[in-house]
């Protein structure tokens, strides 16, 4: 009984946290929409920083591992810029080896490295908090816009006009597909009518020849 009670309580707490998270996410989305932006979500498998950067640069998150590798290699090549800032007295070599592993969470050091690699400034939005900015260039090749959720997940941030354009293109594709299906259906009906007309003609000719 005690175990069942504990399980029920744990289940209630989890559901409550999920509801709270949904409310926070909804509030965050609305806040960003008023600024003209929307969140493009990426996978939450520990690679979210690199997935988000891939999405910002390439328009999709598929090449996240490539950005992780570039990041780790840059850190190795510039050890003096990173080693003093590694926490918990973790040896630098051990840190970069861990960071090279799939699903290892990236943080501020990795953002700095990615900024230098891409010659990009980073602007990271958080709900009800000041924006976190990594500005290494006066004239960057690109600005990377991310969101950071509850200290544990990054997403890509896009202009709302991009979403509206994508929605319009998607609707046009759907309409074109519907039109093609309708045309195909009309063609089939026409073919069936032609076939019926021919059969009718054959029957009439046969009747005449009786």
Protein backbone atom coordinates (compact mmCIF):
# COMPACT_ATOMS: atom_id res chain seq x y z
CA UNK A 1 0.00 0.00 0.00
CA UNK A 2 2.78 2.42 0.91
CA UNK A 3 4.55 1.71 -2.38
CA UNK A 4 1.35 2.28 -4.35
CA UNK A 5 0.76 5.54 -2.50
CA UNK A 6 4.30 6.71 -3.26
CA UNK A 7 3.86 5.79 -6.93
CA UNK A 8 0.57 7.69 -7.11
CA UNK A 9 2.15 10.74 -5.48
CA UNK A 10 5.14 10.59 -7.83
CA UNK A 11 2.75 10.31 -10.79
CA UNK A 12 0.78 13.35 -9.59
CA UNK A 13 3.96 15.38 -9.11
CA UNK A 14 5.14 14.44 -12.60
CA UNK A 15 1.80 15.43 -14.14
CA UNK A 16 1.86 18.70 -12.24
CA UNK A 17 5.38 19.45 -13.51
CA UNK A 18 4.29 18.61 -17.06
CA UNK A 19 1.32 20.99 -16.79
CA UNK A 20 3.57 23.71 -15.41
CA UNK A 21 6.09 23.15 -18.20
CA UNK A 22 3.33 23.35 -20.82
CA UNK A 23 2.13 26.63 -19.29
CA UNK A 24 5.68 28.02 -19.29
CA UNK A 25 6.26 26.96 -22.90
CA UNK A 26 2.98 28.52 -23.98
CA UNK A 27 3.84 31.76 -22.19
CA UNK A 28 7.30 31.76 -23.80
CA UNK A 29 5.85 31.18 -27.29
CA UNK A 30 3.35 34.02 -26.90
CA UNK A 31 6.04 36.34 -25.60
CA UNK A 32 8.23 35.62 -28.62
CA UNK A 33 5.32 35.96 -31.05
CA UNK A 34 4.77 39.52 -29.86
CA UNK A 35 8.40 40.15 -30.86
CA UNK A 36 7.84 38.60 -34.28
CA UNK A 37 9.58 35.26 -33.65
CA UNK A 38 8.67 31.61 -33.18
CA UNK A 39 10.44 28.60 -31.68
CA UNK A 40 11.53 25.86 -34.04
CA UNK A 41 11.97 22.85 -31.79
CA UNK A 42 14.84 20.39 -32.13
CA UNK A 43 15.46 16.98 -30.61
CA UNK A 44 16.02 16.83 -26.87
CA UNK A 45 18.61 14.08 -26.78
CA UNK A 46 21.56 15.94 -25.26
CA UNK A 47 22.58 17.30 -28.67
CA UNK A 48 20.13 20.20 -28.62
CA UNK A 49 22.74 22.98 -28.68
CA UNK A 50 24.40 21.52 -31.76
CA UNK A 51 21.06 20.64 -33.35
CA UNK A 52 19.87 24.21 -32.87
CA UNK A 53 23.03 25.65 -34.39
CA UNK A 54 22.73 23.28 -37.35
CA UNK A 55 19.12 24.39 -37.82
CA UNK A 56 20.14 28.06 -37.72
CA UNK A 57 22.95 27.65 -40.23
CA UNK A 58 21.57 25.01 -42.58
CA UNK A 59 17.82 25.11 -42.04
CA UNK A 60 17.72 21.63 -40.47
CA UNK A 61 19.20 19.88 -37.46
CA UNK A 62 20.61 16.82 -39.22
CA UNK A 63 24.30 17.79 -39.18
CA UNK A 64 24.53 18.39 -35.44
CA UNK A 65 27.39 15.91 -35.05
CA UNK A 66 29.48 17.91 -37.52
CA UNK A 67 29.11 21.03 -35.37
CA UNK A 68 29.98 19.08 -32.23
CA UNK A 69 33.18 17.82 -33.89
CA UNK A 70 34.15 21.29 -35.11
CA UNK A 71 33.51 22.66 -31.64
CA UNK A 72 35.65 20.06 -29.86
CA UNK A 73 38.48 20.40 -32.38
CA UNK A 74 38.52 24.18 -31.95
CA UNK A 75 38.67 23.82 -28.18
CA UNK A 76 41.59 21.39 -28.47
CA UNK A 77 43.44 23.79 -30.74
CA UNK A 78 42.82 26.71 -28.37
CA UNK A 79 43.26 25.01 -25.02
CA UNK A 80 44.45 28.14 -23.20
CA UNK A 81 41.16 29.89 -23.98
CA UNK A 82 39.07 27.15 -22.39
CA UNK A 83 41.02 25.15 -19.81
CA UNK A 84 40.84 27.85 -17.06
CA UNK A 85 37.03 27.87 -17.22
CA UNK A 86 36.31 24.17 -16.89
CA UNK A 87 34.41 23.49 -13.67
CA UNK A 88 34.94 20.96 -10.90
CA UNK A 89 38.69 20.71 -11.55
CA UNK A 90 38.04 18.36 -14.46
CA UNK A 91 41.18 17.86 -16.57
CA UNK A 92 40.93 19.57 -19.95
CA UNK A 93 41.67 16.42 -21.96
CA UNK A 94 39.00 14.51 -20.10
CA UNK A 95 36.52 17.36 -20.63
CA UNK A 96 36.97 17.56 -24.42
CA UNK A 97 36.89 13.77 -24.67
CA UNK A 98 33.56 13.76 -22.83
CA UNK A 99 32.26 16.63 -24.94
CA UNK A 100 33.06 14.70 -28.12
CA UNK A 101 30.56 12.01 -27.14
CA UNK A 102 27.09 11.90 -28.63
CA UNK A 103 24.34 13.33 -26.37
CA UNK A 104 26.77 15.18 -24.08
CA UNK A 105 25.23 18.51 -23.18
CA UNK A 106 26.91 21.64 -24.52
CA UNK A 107 27.01 24.92 -22.60
CA UNK A 108 28.63 28.34 -22.49
CA UNK A 109 32.13 27.16 -23.45
CA UNK A 110 30.78 25.39 -26.49
CA UNK A 111 28.70 28.44 -27.46
CA UNK A 112 31.85 30.58 -27.33
CA UNK A 113 33.74 28.05 -29.47
CA UNK A 114 30.91 27.85 -32.01
CA UNK A 115 30.77 31.64 -32.15
CA UNK A 116 34.45 31.79 -33.08
CA UNK A 117 34.19 28.95 -35.60
CA UNK A 118 31.16 30.37 -37.40
CA UNK A 119 32.20 34.02 -36.98
CA UNK A 120 28.76 34.51 -35.52
CA UNK A 121 27.30 36.32 -32.56
CA UNK A 122 24.88 34.39 -30.35
CA UNK A 123 21.64 35.80 -28.93
CA UNK A 124 19.90 33.44 -26.52
CA UNK A 125 16.40 34.20 -25.28
CA UNK A 126 15.09 32.93 -21.95
CA UNK A 127 11.67 33.39 -20.43
CA UNK A 128 11.49 36.40 -18.09
CA UNK A 129 15.29 36.74 -18.02
CA UNK A 130 17.80 39.05 -19.69
CA UNK A 131 19.04 37.86 -23.06
CA UNK A 132 22.36 35.99 -22.98
CA UNK A 133 24.66 37.46 -25.63
CA UNK A 134 27.99 36.20 -26.94
CA UNK A 135 29.28 38.97 -29.17
CA UNK A 136 32.71 38.33 -30.62
CA UNK A 137 32.32 40.24 -33.89
CA UNK A 138 31.30 43.76 -34.86
CA UNK A 139 30.42 42.51 -38.34
CA UNK A 140 29.48 38.84 -37.95
CA UNK A 141 28.88 36.54 -40.87
CA UNK A 142 25.70 35.44 -39.12
CA UNK A 143 23.66 35.99 -35.99
CA UNK A 144 22.60 32.80 -34.23
CA UNK A 145 19.25 33.08 -32.41
CA UNK A 146 18.39 30.43 -29.83
CA UNK A 147 16.00 29.90 -26.97
CA UNK A 148 16.96 28.28 -23.68
CA UNK A 149 14.32 26.47 -21.67
CA UNK A 150 14.49 25.99 -17.92
CA UNK A 151 18.25 25.53 -17.90
CA UNK A 152 18.17 22.27 -19.83
CA UNK A 153 17.20 22.63 -23.50
CA UNK A 154 18.05 24.79 -26.52
CA UNK A 155 15.84 25.43 -29.54
CA UNK A 156 16.25 27.45 -32.71
CA UNK A 157 14.55 30.84 -32.95
CA UNK A 158 13.16 31.98 -36.28
CA UNK A 159 11.32 35.04 -37.58
CA UNK A 160 7.57 34.59 -37.64
CA UNK A 161 7.44 35.71 -41.28
CA UNK A 162 9.44 32.56 -42.16
CA UNK A 163 6.78 30.40 -40.53
CA UNK A 164 4.01 32.29 -42.31
CA UNK A 165 5.82 31.79 -45.63
CA UNK A 166 6.32 28.08 -44.91
CA UNK A 167 2.65 27.69 -43.93
CA UNK A 168 1.60 29.40 -47.16
CA UNK A 169 3.90 27.19 -49.25
CA UNK A 170 2.62 24.09 -47.43
CA UNK A 171 -0.98 25.13 -48.10
CA UNK A 172 -0.18 25.72 -51.78
CA UNK A 173 1.44 22.28 -52.03
CA UNK A 174 -1.59 20.69 -50.40
CA UNK A 175 -3.90 22.57 -52.77
CA UNK A 176 -1.82 21.47 -55.78
CA UNK A 177 -1.95 17.87 -54.58
CA UNK A 178 -5.73 18.12 -54.18
CA UNK A 179 -6.02 19.64 -57.67
CA UNK A 180 -3.90 16.81 -59.13
CA UNK A 181 -6.09 14.23 -57.38
CA UNK A 182 -9.22 15.95 -58.71
CA UNK A 183 -7.77 16.07 -62.23
CA UNK A 184 -6.87 12.39 -62.00
CA UNK A 185 -10.36 11.58 -60.75
CA UNK A 186 -11.91 13.58 -63.62
CA UNK A 187 -9.65 11.82 -66.11
CA UNK A 188 -10.70 8.44 -64.71
CA UNK A 189 -14.34 9.44 -64.97
CA UNK A 190 -13.77 10.58 -68.56
CA UNK A 191 -11.99 7.33 -69.41
CA UNK A 192 -14.83 5.36 -67.87
CA UNK A 193 -17.36 7.40 -69.86
CA UNK A 194 -15.40 6.81 -73.07
CA UNK A 195 -15.30 3.10 -72.33
CA UNK A 196 -19.03 3.01 -71.67
CA UNK A 197 -19.69 4.93 -74.89
CA UNK A 198 -17.61 2.47 -76.89
CA UNK A 199 -19.36 -0.51 -75.33
CA UNK A 200 -22.70 1.10 -76.08
CA UNK A 201 -21.64 1.66 -79.68
CA UNK A 202 -20.52 -1.95 -80.02
CA UNK A 203 -23.84 -3.16 -78.66
CA UNK A 204 -25.75 -0.96 -81.08
CA UNK A 205 -23.69 -2.15 -84.05
CA UNK A 206 -24.17 -5.74 -83.00
CA UNK A 207 -27.90 -5.14 -82.74
CA UNK A 208 -27.98 -3.71 -86.26
CA UNK A 209 -26.22 -6.78 -87.60
CA UNK A 210 -28.63 -9.24 -86.07
